[in-house]
PDB file of N, CA and C in Angstrom:
ATOM      1  N   GLN A   1     156.244  18.512 136.664  1.00  0.00           N
ATOM      2  CA  GLN A   1     157.558  18.579 136.026  1.00  0.00           C
ATOM      3  C   GLN A   1     158.542  19.231 136.977  1.00  0.00           C
ATOM      4  N   LEU A   2     159.747  18.656 137.042  1.00  0.00           N
ATOM      5  CA  LEU A   2     160.790  19.221 137.879  1.00  0.00           C
ATOM      6  C   LEU A   2     161.372  20.445 137.182  1.00  0.00           C
ATOM      7  N   ARG A   3     161.417  21.545 137.902  1.00  0.00           N
ATOM      8  CA  ARG A   3     162.036  22.767 137.391  1.00  0.00           C
ATOM      9  C   ARG A   3     163.246  23.088 138.248  1.00  0.00           C
ATOM     10  N   LEU A   4     164.318  23.513 137.585  1.00  0.00           N
ATOM     11  CA  LEU A   4     165.585  23.773 138.265  1.00  0.00           C
ATOM     12  C   LEU A   4     166.045  25.190 137.965  1.00  0.00           C
ATOM     13  N   LYS A   5     166.567  25.852 138.976  1.00  0.00           N
ATOM     14  CA  LYS A   5     167.025  27.228 138.809  1.00  0.00           C
ATOM     15  C   LYS A   5     168.353  27.403 139.537  1.00  0.00           C
ATOM     16  N   GLU A   6     169.405  27.702 138.776  1.00  0.00           N
ATOM     17  CA  GLU A   6     170.719  27.919 139.350  1.00  0.00           C
ATOM     18  C   GLU A   6     170.923  29.393 139.721  1.00  0.00           C
ATOM     19  N   SER A   7     171.794  29.608 140.680  1.00  0.00           N
ATOM     20  CA  SER A   7     172.209  30.956 141.050  1.00  0.00           C
ATOM     21  C   SER A   7     173.573  30.890 141.706  1.00  0.00           C
ATOM     22  N   GLY A   8     174.186  32.037 141.876  1.00  0.00           N
ATOM     23  CA  GLY A   8     175.460  32.108 142.573  1.00  0.00           C
ATOM     24  C   GLY A   8     176.658  32.355 141.691  1.00  0.00           C
ATOM     25  N   GLY A   9     176.471  32.297 140.387  1.00  0.00           N
ATOM     26  CA  GLY A   9     177.580  32.556 139.491  1.00  0.00           C
ATOM     27  C   GLY A   9     178.007  34.013 139.550  1.00  0.00           C
ATOM     28  N   SER A  10     179.309  34.233 139.332  1.00  0.00           N
ATOM     29  CA  SER A  10     179.837  35.595 139.425  1.00  0.00           C
ATOM     30  C   SER A  10     181.218  35.634 138.790  1.00  0.00           C
ATOM     31  N   SER A  11     181.842  36.794 138.822  1.00  0.00           N
ATOM     32  CA  SER A  11     183.230  36.957 138.403  1.00  0.00           C
ATOM     33  C   SER A  11     184.110  36.998 139.643  1.00  0.00           C
ATOM     34  N   VAL A  12     185.147  36.162 139.657  1.00  0.00           N
ATOM     35  CA  VAL A  12     186.062  36.114 140.795  1.00  0.00           C
ATOM     36  C   VAL A  12     187.491  36.031 140.296  1.00  0.00           C
ATOM     37  N   GLN A  13     188.413  36.338 141.182  1.00  0.00           N
ATOM     38  CA  GLN A  13     189.831  36.232 140.843  1.00  0.00           C
ATOM     39  C   GLN A  13     190.311  34.797 141.055  1.00  0.00           C
ATOM     40  N   PRO A  14     191.364  34.415 140.385  1.00  0.00           N
ATOM     41  CA  PRO A  14     191.927  33.075 140.606  1.00  0.00           C
ATOM     42  C   PRO A  14     192.216  32.854 142.086  1.00  0.00           C
ATOM     43  N   GLY A  15     191.896  31.662 142.536  1.00  0.00           N
ATOM     44  CA  GLY A  15     192.046  31.321 143.943  1.00  0.00           C
ATOM     45  C   GLY A  15     190.821  31.610 144.782  1.00  0.00           C
ATOM     46  N   GLY A  16     189.860  32.294 144.211  1.00  0.00           N
ATOM     47  CA  GLY A  16     188.646  32.647 144.937  1.00  0.00           C
ATOM     48  C   GLY A  16     187.674  31.487 145.067  1.00  0.00           C
ATOM     49  N   SER A  17     186.564  31.773 145.726  1.00  0.00           N
ATOM     50  CA  SER A  17     185.540  30.764 145.992  1.00  0.00           C
ATOM     51  C   SER A  17     184.165  31.279 145.602  1.00  0.00           C
ATOM     52  N   LEU A  18     183.319  30.350 145.235  1.00  0.00           N
ATOM     53  CA  LEU A  18     181.907  30.631 144.976  1.00  0.00           C
ATOM     54  C   LEU A  18     181.096  29.441 145.448  1.00  0.00           C
ATOM     55  N   ARG A  19     179.858  29.699 145.817  1.00  0.00           N
ATOM     56  CA  ARG A  19     178.909  28.608 146.087  1.00  0.00           C
ATOM     57  C   ARG A  19     177.720  28.770 145.165  1.00  0.00           C
ATOM     58  N   LEU A  20     177.536  27.770 144.321  1.00  0.00           N
ATOM     59  CA  LEU A  20     176.393  27.753 143.423  1.00  0.00           C
ATOM     60  C   LEU A  20     175.233  27.022 144.093  1.00  0.00           C
ATOM     61  N   SER A  21     174.031  27.503 143.813  1.00  0.00           N
ATOM     62  CA  SER A  21     172.822  26.862 144.325  1.00  0.00           C
ATOM     63  C   SER A  21     171.936  26.453 143.159  1.00  0.00           C
ATOM     64  N   CYS A  22     171.214  25.380 143.353  1.00  0.00           N
ATOM     65  CA  CYS A  22     170.241  24.898 142.366  1.00  0.00           C
ATOM     66  C   CYS A  22     168.965  24.589 143.134  1.00  0.00           C
ATOM     67  N   VAL A  23     167.946  25.405 142.926  1.00  0.00           N
ATOM     68  CA  VAL A  23     166.682  25.242 143.642  1.00  0.00           C
ATOM     69  C   VAL A  23     165.694  24.506 142.748  1.00  0.00           C
ATOM     70  N   ALA A  24     165.072  23.479 143.319  1.00  0.00           N
ATOM     71  CA  ALA A  24     164.108  22.670 142.589  1.00  0.00           C
ATOM     72  C   ALA A  24     162.687  23.058 142.969  1.00  0.00           C
ATOM     73  N   SER A  25     161.791  22.946 142.003  1.00  0.00           N
ATOM     74  CA  SER A  25     160.369  23.156 142.250  1.00  0.00           C
ATOM     75  C   SER A  25     159.593  22.231 141.332  1.00  0.00           C
ATOM     76  N   GLY A  26     158.326  22.064 141.634  1.00  0.00           N
ATOM     77  CA  GLY A  26     157.492  21.181 140.829  1.00  0.00           C
ATOM     78  C   GLY A  26     157.381  19.797 141.426  1.00  0.00           C
ATOM     79  N   TYR A  27     158.520  19.152 141.642  1.00  0.00           N
ATOM     80  CA  TYR A  27     158.596  17.862 142.314  1.00  0.00           C
ATOM     81  C   TYR A  27     159.597  17.979 143.459  1.00  0.00           C
ATOM     82  N   HIS A  28     159.531  17.068 144.395  1.00  0.00           N
ATOM     83  CA  HIS A  28     160.469  17.094 145.513  1.00  0.00           C
ATOM     84  C   HIS A  28     161.850  16.615 145.069  1.00  0.00           C
ATOM     85  N   LEU A  29     162.846  17.381 145.464  1.00  0.00           N
ATOM     86  CA  LEU A  29     164.224  17.076 145.088  1.00  0.00           C
ATOM     87  C   LEU A  29     164.687  15.710 145.589  1.00  0.00           C
ATOM     88  N   GLU A  30     164.138  15.245 146.700  1.00  0.00           N
ATOM     89  CA  GLU A  30     164.620  14.023 147.342  1.00  0.00           C
ATOM     90  C   GLU A  30     164.548  12.802 146.433  1.00  0.00           C
ATOM     91  N   TYR A  31     163.728  12.852 145.395  1.00  0.00           N
ATOM     92  CA  TYR A  31     163.562  11.699 144.513  1.00  0.00           C
ATOM     93  C   TYR A  31     164.597  11.641 143.394  1.00  0.00           C
ATOM     94  N   TYR A  32     165.469  12.654 143.328  1.00  0.00           N
ATOM     95  CA  TYR A  32     166.358  12.771 142.184  1.00  0.00           C
ATOM     96  C   TYR A  32     167.829  12.785 142.573  1.00  0.00           C
ATOM     97  N   ALA A  33     168.608  11.970 141.878  1.00  0.00           N
ATOM     98  CA  ALA A  33     170.044  12.201 141.883  1.00  0.00           C
ATOM     99  C   ALA A  33     170.298  13.478 141.091  1.00  0.00           C
ATOM    100  N   MET A  34     171.294  14.238 141.502  1.00  0.00           N
ATOM    101  CA  MET A  34     171.536  15.532 140.881  1.00  0.00           C
ATOM    102  C   MET A  34     172.966  15.631 140.378  1.00  0.00           C
ATOM    103  N   THR A  35     173.124  16.348 139.285  1.00  0.00           N
ATOM    104  CA  THR A  35     174.440  16.496 138.665  1.00  0.00           C
ATOM    105  C   THR A  35     174.678  17.967 138.295  1.00  0.00           C
ATOM    106  N   TRP A  36     175.902  18.405 138.503  1.00  0.00           N
ATOM    107  CA  TRP A  36     176.342  19.711 138.024  1.00  0.00           C
ATOM    108  C   TRP A  36     177.159  19.515 136.745  1.00  0.00           C
ATOM    109  N   PHE A  37     176.879  20.349 135.759  1.00  0.00           N
ATOM    110  CA  PHE A  37     177.623  20.380 134.503  1.00  0.00           C
ATOM    111  C   PHE A  37     178.188  21.784 134.304  1.00  0.00           C
ATOM    112  N   ARG A  38     179.117  21.890 133.393  1.00  0.00           N
ATOM    113  CA  ARG A  38     179.583  23.199 132.962  1.00  0.00           C
ATOM    114  C   ARG A  38     179.901  23.141 131.477  1.00  0.00           C
ATOM    115  N   GLN A  39     179.794  24.305 130.858  1.00  0.00           N
ATOM    116  CA  GLN A  39     180.096  24.406 129.446  1.00  0.00           C
ATOM    117  C   GLN A  39     180.802  25.727 129.178  1.00  0.00           C
ATOM    118  N   ALA A  40     182.033  25.619 128.715  1.00  0.00           N
ATOM    119  CA  ALA A  40     182.815  26.786 128.328  1.00  0.00           C
ATOM    120  C   ALA A  40     182.590  27.065 126.844  1.00  0.00           C
ATOM    121  N   PRO A  41     182.814  28.288 126.403  1.00  0.00           N
ATOM    122  CA  PRO A  41     182.613  28.624 124.988  1.00  0.00           C
ATOM    123  C   PRO A  41     183.432  27.724 124.075  1.00  0.00           C
ATOM    124  N   GLY A  42     182.766  27.163 123.075  1.00  0.00           N
ATOM    125  CA  GLY A  42     183.446  26.314 122.114  1.00  0.00           C
ATOM    126  C   GLY A  42     183.756  24.916 122.590  1.00  0.00           C
ATOM    127  N   LYS A  43     183.296  24.573 123.795  1.00  0.00           N
ATOM    128  CA  LYS A  43     183.564  23.241 124.346  1.00  0.00           C
ATOM    129  C   LYS A  43     182.260  22.503 124.618  1.00  0.00           C
ATOM    130  N   GLU A  44     182.375  21.188 124.728  1.00  0.00           N
ATOM    131  CA  GLU A  44     181.212  20.365 125.041  1.00  0.00           C
ATOM    132  C   GLU A  44     180.815  20.532 126.511  1.00  0.00           C
ATOM    133  N   ARG A  45     179.549  20.271 126.777  1.00  0.00           N
ATOM    134  CA  ARG A  45     179.076  20.297 128.157  1.00  0.00           C
ATOM    135  C   ARG A  45     179.701  19.132 128.917  1.00  0.00           C
ATOM    136  N   GLU A  46     180.209  19.426 130.095  1.00  0.00           N
ATOM    137  CA  GLU A  46     180.986  18.460 130.877  1.00  0.00           C
ATOM    138  C   GLU A  46     180.345  18.235 132.234  1.00  0.00           C
ATOM    139  N   GLY A  47     180.119  16.986 132.583  1.00  0.00           N
ATOM    140  CA  GLY A  47     179.650  16.663 133.914  1.00  0.00           C
ATOM    141  C   GLY A  47     180.794  16.770 134.900  1.00  0.00           C
ATOM    142  N   ILE A  48     180.610  17.504 136.006  1.00  0.00           N
ATOM    143  CA  ILE A  48     181.716  17.703 136.931  1.00  0.00           C
ATOM    144  C   ILE A  48     181.476  17.099 138.297  1.00  0.00           C
ATOM    145  N   SER A  49     180.215  16.914 138.687  1.00  0.00           N
ATOM    146  CA  SER A  49     179.951  16.328 139.992  1.00  0.00           C
ATOM    147  C   SER A  49     178.511  15.862 140.061  1.00  0.00           C
ATOM    148  N   CYS A  50     178.296  14.766 140.782  1.00  0.00           N
ATOM    149  CA  CYS A  50     176.926  14.306 140.985  1.00  0.00           C
ATOM    150  C   CYS A  50     176.776  13.768 142.405  1.00  0.00           C
ATOM    151  N   ILE A  51     175.516  13.671 142.847  1.00  0.00           N
ATOM    152  CA  ILE A  51     175.206  13.204 144.193  1.00  0.00           C
ATOM    153  C   ILE A  51     173.972  12.330 144.126  1.00  0.00           C
ATOM    154  N   THR A  52     173.991  11.220 144.857  1.00  0.00           N
ATOM    155  CA  THR A  52     172.869  10.298 144.854  1.00  0.00           C
ATOM    156  C   THR A  52     171.684  10.858 145.633  1.00  0.00           C
ATOM    157  N   THR A  53     170.553  10.157 145.540  1.00  0.00           N
ATOM    158  CA  THR A  53     169.329  10.662 146.156  1.00  0.00           C
ATOM    159  C   THR A  53     169.468  10.830 147.665  1.00  0.00           C
ATOM    160  N   ASN A  54     170.154   9.945 148.322  1.00  0.00           N
ATOM    161  CA  ASN A  54     170.282  10.083 149.772  1.00  0.00           C
ATOM    162  C   ASN A  54     171.580  10.753 150.175  1.00  0.00           C
ATOM    163  N   GLY A  55     172.353  11.178 149.192  1.00  0.00           N
ATOM    164  CA  GLY A  55     173.569  11.939 149.457  1.00  0.00           C
ATOM    165  C   GLY A  55     174.739  11.137 149.964  1.00  0.00           C
ATOM    166  N   ASP A  56     174.630   9.813 149.958  1.00  0.00           N
ATOM    167  CA  ASP A  56     175.723   9.035 150.548  1.00  0.00           C
ATOM    168  C   ASP A  56     176.803   8.674 149.551  1.00  0.00           C
ATOM    169  N   ASN A  57     176.624   9.076 148.312  1.00  0.00           N
ATOM    170  CA  ASN A  57     177.652   8.831 147.308  1.00  0.00           C
ATOM    171  C   ASN A  57     177.751  10.054 146.394  1.00  0.00           C
ATOM    172  N   VAL A  58     178.985  10.496 146.183  1.00  0.00           N
ATOM    173  CA  VAL A  58     179.227  11.632 145.298  1.00  0.00           C
ATOM    174  C   VAL A  58     180.347  11.271 144.333  1.00  0.00           C
ATOM    175  N   LYS A  59     180.358  11.939 143.213  1.00  0.00           N
ATOM    176  CA  LYS A  59     181.411  11.757 142.216  1.00  0.00           C
ATOM    177  C   LYS A  59     181.899  13.125 141.748  1.00  0.00           C
ATOM    178  N   TYR A  60     183.176  13.141 141.334  1.00  0.00           N
ATOM    179  CA  TYR A  60     183.763  14.367 140.803  1.00  0.00           C
ATOM    180  C   TYR A  60     184.624  14.017 139.596  1.00  0.00           C
ATOM    181  N   VAL A  61     184.640  14.909 138.633  1.00  0.00           N
ATOM    182  CA  VAL A  61     185.601  14.783 137.547  1.00  0.00           C
ATOM    183  C   VAL A  61     186.970  15.136 138.117  1.00  0.00           C
ATOM    184  N   GLU A  62     188.001  14.545 137.555  1.00  0.00           N
ATOM    185  CA  GLU A  62     189.340  14.672 138.118  1.00  0.00           C
ATOM    186  C   GLU A  62     189.779  16.120 138.276  1.00  0.00           C
ATOM    187  N   SER A  63     189.407  16.967 137.347  1.00  0.00           N
ATOM    188  CA  SER A  63     189.891  18.349 137.344  1.00  0.00           C
ATOM    189  C   SER A  63     189.379  19.191 138.506  1.00  0.00           C
ATOM    190  N   VAL A  64     188.322  18.734 139.193  1.00  0.00           N
ATOM    191  CA  VAL A  64     187.775  19.526 140.299  1.00  0.00           C
ATOM    192  C   VAL A  64     187.910  18.820 141.642  1.00  0.00           C
ATOM    193  N   LYS A  65     188.425  17.608 141.653  1.00  0.00           N
ATOM    194  CA  LYS A  65     188.579  16.872 142.909  1.00  0.00           C
ATOM    195  C   LYS A  65     189.446  17.653 143.884  1.00  0.00           C
ATOM    196  N   GLY A  66     188.990  17.711 145.127  1.00  0.00           N
ATOM    197  CA  GLY A  66     189.729  18.412 146.160  1.00  0.00           C
ATOM    198  C   GLY A  66     189.468  19.906 146.201  1.00  0.00           C
ATOM    199  N   ARG A  67     188.774  20.431 145.200  1.00  0.00           N
ATOM    200  CA  ARG A  67     188.468  21.870 145.162  1.00  0.00           C
ATOM    201  C   ARG A  67     186.960  22.133 145.240  1.00  0.00           C
ATOM    202  N   PHE A  68     186.165  21.284 144.624  1.00  0.00           N
ATOM    203  CA  PHE A  68     184.714  21.452 144.590  1.00  0.00           C
ATOM    204  C   PHE A  68     184.050  20.434 145.513  1.00  0.00           C
ATOM    205  N   THR A  69     182.914  20.837 146.112  1.00  0.00           N
ATOM    206  CA  THR A  69     182.141  19.947 146.968  1.00  0.00           C
ATOM    207  C   THR A  69     180.666  20.078 146.627  1.00  0.00           C
ATOM    208  N   ILE A  70     180.047  18.964 146.328  1.00  0.00           N
ATOM    209  CA  ILE A  70     178.603  18.944 146.064  1.00  0.00           C
ATOM    210  C   ILE A  70     177.878  18.520 147.330  1.00  0.00           C
ATOM    211  N   SER A  71     176.708  19.101 147.563  1.00  0.00           N
ATOM    212  CA  SER A  71     175.895  18.725 148.722  1.00  0.00           C
ATOM    213  C   SER A  71     174.437  18.986 148.391  1.00  0.00           C
ATOM    214  N   ARG A  72     173.557  18.478 149.235  1.00  0.00           N
ATOM    215  CA  ARG A  72     172.137  18.670 148.995  1.00  0.00           C
ATOM    216  C   ARG A  72     171.397  18.902 150.301  1.00  0.00           C
ATOM    217  N   ASP A  73     170.358  19.695 150.208  1.00  0.00           N
ATOM    218  CA  ASP A  73     169.463  19.968 151.321  1.00  0.00           C
ATOM    219  C   ASP A  73     168.054  19.692 150.804  1.00  0.00           C
ATOM    220  N   ASP A  74     167.603  18.468 150.998  1.00  0.00           N
ATOM    221  CA  ASP A  74     166.309  18.093 150.426  1.00  0.00           C
ATOM    222  C   ASP A  74     165.159  18.872 151.067  1.00  0.00           C
ATOM    223  N   ALA A  75     165.276  19.176 152.346  1.00  0.00           N
ATOM    224  CA  ALA A  75     164.211  19.954 153.000  1.00  0.00           C
ATOM    225  C   ALA A  75     164.095  21.333 152.366  1.00  0.00           C
ATOM    226  N   GLY A  76     165.242  21.877 151.935  1.00  0.00           N
ATOM    227  CA  GLY A  76     165.256  23.183 151.285  1.00  0.00           C
ATOM    228  C   GLY A  76     165.174  23.110 149.778  1.00  0.00           C
ATOM    229  N   GLU A  77     165.018  21.883 149.262  1.00  0.00           N
ATOM    230  CA  GLU A  77     164.887  21.659 147.809  1.00  0.00           C
ATOM    231  C   GLU A  77     166.051  22.281 147.037  1.00  0.00           C
ATOM    232  N   THR A  78     167.258  22.155 147.585  1.00  0.00           N
ATOM    233  CA  THR A  78     168.415  22.826 146.990  1.00  0.00           C
ATOM    234  C   THR A  78     169.632  21.907 146.946  1.00  0.00           C
ATOM    235  N   VAL A  79     170.347  21.975 145.845  1.00  0.00           N
ATOM    236  CA  VAL A  79     171.646  21.324 145.704  1.00  0.00           C
ATOM    237  C   VAL A  79     172.689  22.425 145.565  1.00  0.00           C
ATOM    238  N   TYR A  80     173.851  22.192 146.188  1.00  0.00           N
ATOM    239  CA  TYR A  80     174.903  23.196 146.195  1.00  0.00           C
ATOM    240  C   TYR A  80     176.161  22.664 145.511  1.00  0.00           C
ATOM    241  N   LEU A  81     176.948  23.588 145.010  1.00  0.00           N
ATOM    242  CA  LEU A  81     178.294  23.272 144.549  1.00  0.00           C
ATOM    243  C   LEU A  81     179.228  24.332 145.120  1.00  0.00           C
ATOM    244  N   GLN A  82     179.992  23.937 146.139  1.00  0.00           N
ATOM    245  CA  GLN A  82     180.986  24.819 146.724  1.00  0.00           C
ATOM    246  C   GLN A  82     182.257  24.703 145.898  1.00  0.00           C
ATOM    247  N   MET A  83     182.733  25.825 145.395  1.00  0.00           N
ATOM    248  CA  MET A  83     183.905  25.835 144.524  1.00  0.00           C
ATOM    249  C   MET A  83     184.996  26.685 145.167  1.00  0.00           C
ATOM    250  N   ASN A  84     186.102  26.052 145.503  1.00  0.00           N
ATOM    251  CA  ASN A  84     187.248  26.725 146.089  1.00  0.00           C
ATOM    252  C   ASN A  84     188.445  26.623 145.150  1.00  0.00           C
ATOM    253  N   GLY A  85     189.408  27.473 145.360  1.00  0.00           N
ATOM    254  CA  GLY A  85     190.611  27.425 144.539  1.00  0.00           C
ATOM    255  C   GLY A  85     190.318  27.569 143.062  1.00  0.00           C
ATOM    256  N   LEU A  86     189.441  28.496 142.720  1.00  0.00           N
ATOM    257  CA  LEU A  86     189.017  28.620 141.332  1.00  0.00           C
ATOM    258  C   LEU A  86     190.163  29.033 140.421  1.00  0.00           C
ATOM    259  N   ARG A  87     190.127  28.498 139.219  1.00  0.00           N
ATOM    260  CA  ARG A  87     191.149  28.735 138.199  1.00  0.00           C
ATOM    261  C   ARG A  87     190.507  29.319 136.950  1.00  0.00           C
ATOM    262  N   PRO A  88     191.263  29.985 136.119  1.00  0.00           N
ATOM    263  CA  PRO A  88     190.678  30.523 134.875  1.00  0.00           C
ATOM    264  C   PRO A  88     189.984  29.447 134.035  1.00  0.00           C
ATOM    265  N   GLU A  89     190.513  28.245 134.047  1.00  0.00           N
ATOM    266  CA  GLU A  89     189.912  27.166 133.257  1.00  0.00           C
ATOM    267  C   GLU A  89     188.582  26.675 133.823  1.00  0.00           C
ATOM    268  N   ASP A  90     188.197  27.157 135.001  1.00  0.00           N
ATOM    269  CA  ASP A  90     186.875  26.842 135.551  1.00  0.00           C
ATOM    270  C   ASP A  90     185.797  27.769 135.003  1.00  0.00           C
ATOM    271  N   SER A  91     186.187  28.786 134.250  1.00  0.00           N
ATOM    272  CA  SER A  91     185.212  29.718 133.680  1.00  0.00           C
ATOM    273  C   SER A  91     184.285  28.982 132.724  1.00  0.00           C
ATOM    274  N   ALA A  92     182.989  29.120 132.941  1.00  0.00           N
ATOM    275  CA  ALA A  92     181.991  28.408 132.137  1.00  0.00           C
ATOM    276  C   ALA A  92     180.606  28.808 132.635  1.00  0.00           C
ATOM    277  N   VAL A  93     179.602  28.373 131.893  1.00  0.00           N
ATOM    278  CA  VAL A  93     178.234  28.421 132.412  1.00  0.00           C
ATOM    279  C   VAL A  93     177.992  27.099 133.139  1.00  0.00           C
ATOM    280  N   TYR A  94     177.512  27.176 134.347  1.00  0.00           N
ATOM    281  CA  TYR A  94     177.282  25.995 135.180  1.00  0.00           C
ATOM    282  C   TYR A  94     175.790  25.680 135.230  1.00  0.00           C
ATOM    283  N   TYR A  95     175.479  24.410 135.019  1.00  0.00           N
ATOM    284  CA  TYR A  95     174.103  23.938 134.984  1.00  0.00           C
ATOM    285  C   TYR A  95     173.901  22.826 136.008  1.00  0.00           C
ATOM    286  N   CYS A  96     172.708  22.775 136.592  1.00  0.00           N
ATOM    287  CA  CYS A  96     172.325  21.588 137.340  1.00  0.00           C
ATOM    288  C   CYS A  96     171.298  20.817 136.508  1.00  0.00           C
ATOM    289  N   ALA A  97     171.262  19.518 136.749  1.00  0.00           N
ATOM    290  CA  ALA A  97     170.407  18.662 135.946  1.00  0.00           C
ATOM    291  C   ALA A  97     170.027  17.413 136.726  1.00  0.00           C
ATOM    292  N   ALA A  98     168.951  16.780 136.275  1.00  0.00           N
ATOM    293  CA  ALA A  98     168.483  15.548 136.905  1.00  0.00           C
ATOM    294  C   ALA A  98     167.961  14.601 135.833  1.00  0.00           C
ATOM    295  N   PRO A  99     168.081  13.303 136.049  1.00  0.00           N
ATOM    296  CA  PRO A  99     167.490  12.337 135.126  1.00  0.00           C
ATOM    297  C   PRO A  99     165.990  12.259 135.333  1.00  0.00           C
ATOM    298  N   GLU A 100     165.295  11.641 134.420  1.00  0.00           N
ATOM    299  CA  GLU A 100     163.849  11.480 134.574  1.00  0.00           C
ATOM    300  C   GLU A 100     163.518  10.566 135.749  1.00  0.00           C
ATOM    301  N   PHE A 101     164.346   9.523 135.927  1.00  0.00           N
ATOM    302  CA  PHE A 101     164.184   8.601 137.044  1.00  0.00           C
ATOM    303  C   PHE A 101     165.544   8.381 137.693  1.00  0.00           C
ATOM    304  N   SER A 102     165.541   8.237 139.002  1.00  0.00           N
ATOM    305  CA  SER A 102     166.788   8.029 139.723  1.00  0.00           C
ATOM    306  C   SER A 102     166.734   6.722 140.482  1.00  0.00           C
ATOM    307  N   TRP A 103     167.862   6.039 140.499  1.00  0.00           N
ATOM    308  CA  TRP A 103     168.001   4.784 141.234  1.00  0.00           C
ATOM    309  C   TRP A 103     168.845   5.036 142.468  1.00  0.00           C
ATOM    310  N   ARG A 104     168.399   4.459 143.593  1.00  0.00           N
ATOM    311  CA  ARG A 104     169.102   4.666 144.851  1.00  0.00           C
ATOM    312  C   ARG A 104     170.551   4.225 144.721  1.00  0.00           C
ATOM    313  N   GLY A 105     171.464   5.055 145.185  1.00  0.00           N
ATOM    314  CA  GLY A 105     172.874   4.711 145.180  1.00  0.00           C
ATOM    315  C   GLY A 105     173.590   4.986 143.880  1.00  0.00           C
ATOM    316  N   GLN A 106     172.899   5.608 142.933  1.00  0.00           N
ATOM    317  CA  GLN A 106     173.505   5.822 141.624  1.00  0.00           C
ATOM    318  C   GLN A 106     173.337   7.269 141.186  1.00  0.00           C
ATOM    319  N   CYS A 107     174.392   7.820 140.619  1.00  0.00           N
ATOM    320  CA  CYS A 107     174.280   9.105 139.937  1.00  0.00           C
ATOM    321  C   CYS A 107     175.194   9.081 138.724  1.00  0.00           C
ATOM    322  N   ASP A 108     174.876   9.891 137.739  1.00  0.00           N
ATOM    323  CA  ASP A 108     175.580   9.869 136.467  1.00  0.00           C
ATOM    324  C   ASP A 108     176.034  11.261 136.089  1.00  0.00           C
ATOM    325  N   MET A 109     177.049  11.327 135.226  1.00  0.00           N
ATOM    326  CA  MET A 109     177.583  12.624 134.815  1.00  0.00           C
ATOM    327  C   MET A 109     177.601  12.796 133.305  1.00  0.00           C
ATOM    328  N   SER A 110     176.777  12.025 132.613  1.00  0.00           N
ATOM    329  CA  SER A 110     176.689  12.181 131.168  1.00  0.00           C
ATOM    330  C   SER A 110     175.488  13.047 130.810  1.00  0.00           C
ATOM    331  N   PRO A 111     175.675  14.065 129.955  1.00  0.00           N
ATOM    332  CA  PRO A 111     174.528  14.909 129.584  1.00  0.00           C
ATOM    333  C   PRO A 111     173.384  14.111 128.977  1.00  0.00           C
ATOM    334  N   SER A 112     173.687  13.041 128.281  1.00  0.00           N
ATOM    335  CA  SER A 112     172.634  12.273 127.624  1.00  0.00           C
ATOM    336  C   SER A 112     171.749  11.537 128.621  1.00  0.00           C
ATOM    337  N   ASP A 113     172.204  11.403 129.869  1.00  0.00           N
ATOM    338  CA  ASP A 113     171.404  10.734 130.902  1.00  0.00           C
ATOM    339  C   ASP A 113     170.452  11.686 131.610  1.00  0.00           C
ATOM    340  N   MET A 114     170.549  12.980 131.337  1.00  0.00           N
ATOM    341  CA  MET A 114     169.747  13.966 132.035  1.00  0.00           C
ATOM    342  C   MET A 114     168.464  14.289 131.283  1.00  0.00           C
ATOM    343  N   PHE A 115     167.445  14.627 132.067  1.00  0.00           N
ATOM    344  CA  PHE A 115     166.139  14.948 131.467  1.00  0.00           C
ATOM    345  C   PHE A 115     165.706  16.369 131.810  1.00  0.00           C
ATOM    346  N   PHE A 116     165.985  16.776 133.043  1.00  0.00           N
ATOM    347  CA  PHE A 116     165.606  18.109 133.500  1.00  0.00           C
ATOM    348  C   PHE A 116     166.870  18.965 133.611  1.00  0.00           C
ATOM    349  N   TRP A 117     166.787  20.192 133.111  1.00  0.00           N
ATOM    350  CA  TRP A 117     167.927  21.095 133.121  1.00  0.00           C
ATOM    351  C   TRP A 117     167.524  22.476 133.623  1.00  0.00           C
ATOM    352  N   GLY A 118     168.439  23.122 134.318  1.00  0.00           N
ATOM    353  CA  GLY A 118     168.282  24.525 134.619  1.00  0.00           C
ATOM    354  C   GLY A 118     168.816  25.356 133.469  1.00  0.00           C
ATOM    355  N   GLU A 119     168.716  26.670 133.617  1.00  0.00           N
ATOM    356  CA  GLU A 119     169.141  27.580 132.548  1.00  0.00           C
ATOM    357  C   GLU A 119     170.594  27.992 132.663  1.00  0.00           C
ATOM    358  N   GLY A 120     171.218  27.676 133.772  1.00  0.00           N
ATOM    359  CA  GLY A 120     172.640  27.954 133.934  1.00  0.00           C
ATOM    360  C   GLY A 120     172.944  29.258 134.644  1.00  0.00           C
ATOM    361  N   THR A 121     174.132  29.295 135.236  1.00  0.00           N
ATOM    362  CA  THR A 121     174.629  30.501 135.879  1.00  0.00           C
ATOM    363  C   THR A 121     176.099  30.653 135.482  1.00  0.00           C
ATOM    364  N   PRO A 122     176.518  31.849 135.046  1.00  0.00           N
ATOM    365  CA  PRO A 122     177.883  32.008 134.527  1.00  0.00           C
ATOM    366  C   PRO A 122     178.905  32.246 135.627  1.00  0.00           C
ATOM    367  N   VAL A 123     180.055  31.625 135.453  1.00  0.00           N
ATOM    368  CA  VAL A 123     181.194  31.810 136.347  1.00  0.00           C
ATOM    369  C   VAL A 123     182.385  32.260 135.502  1.00  0.00           C
ATOM    370  N   THR A 124     183.003  33.356 135.912  1.00  0.00           N
ATOM    371  CA  THR A 124     184.195  33.859 135.235  1.00  0.00           C
ATOM    372  C   THR A 124     185.310  33.992 136.257  1.00  0.00           C
ATOM    373  N   VAL A 125     186.430  33.365 135.960  1.00  0.00           N
ATOM    374  CA  VAL A 125     187.596  33.432 136.840  1.00  0.00           C
ATOM    375  C   VAL A 125     188.706  34.145 136.086  1.00  0.00           C
ATOM    376  N   SER A 126     189.025  35.328 136.535  1.00  0.00           N
ATOM    377  CA  SER A 126     189.994  36.148 135.817  1.00  0.00           C
ATOM    378  C   SER A 126     190.606  37.170 136.745  1.00  0.00           C
ATOM    379  N   SER A 127     191.878  37.484 136.486  1.00  0.00           N
ATOM    380  CA  SER A 127     192.543  38.518 137.260  1.00  0.00           C
ATOM    381  C   SER A 127     192.401  39.872 136.576  1.00  0.00           C
TER     382      SER A 127
END
């Protein structure tokens, strides 16, 4: 079973940066497209970025385009989310997730498409 563990969440001021990490164990990360989600209090879980198995295709939700960057290091079994220009509305618990099966060249950002989930790491953006 694929196990996922996020880290890197913290409290930062608006305009600050954070890099989130998602470390995989159990199965090799290289077989999975990966997606980052976030969930703010009282809101639905939102897919914000995904990356295909070979990393040649990425997607972002409009609200984070140009500020967030997803990447993967399969040798290190880790997926990253670099977050720059953070805003108060980015405050949420951030989760990484993977589907049960991944198709080359495809990644998805719907929670219903995910099978494996991490426990999340909290991000707070406040002055």
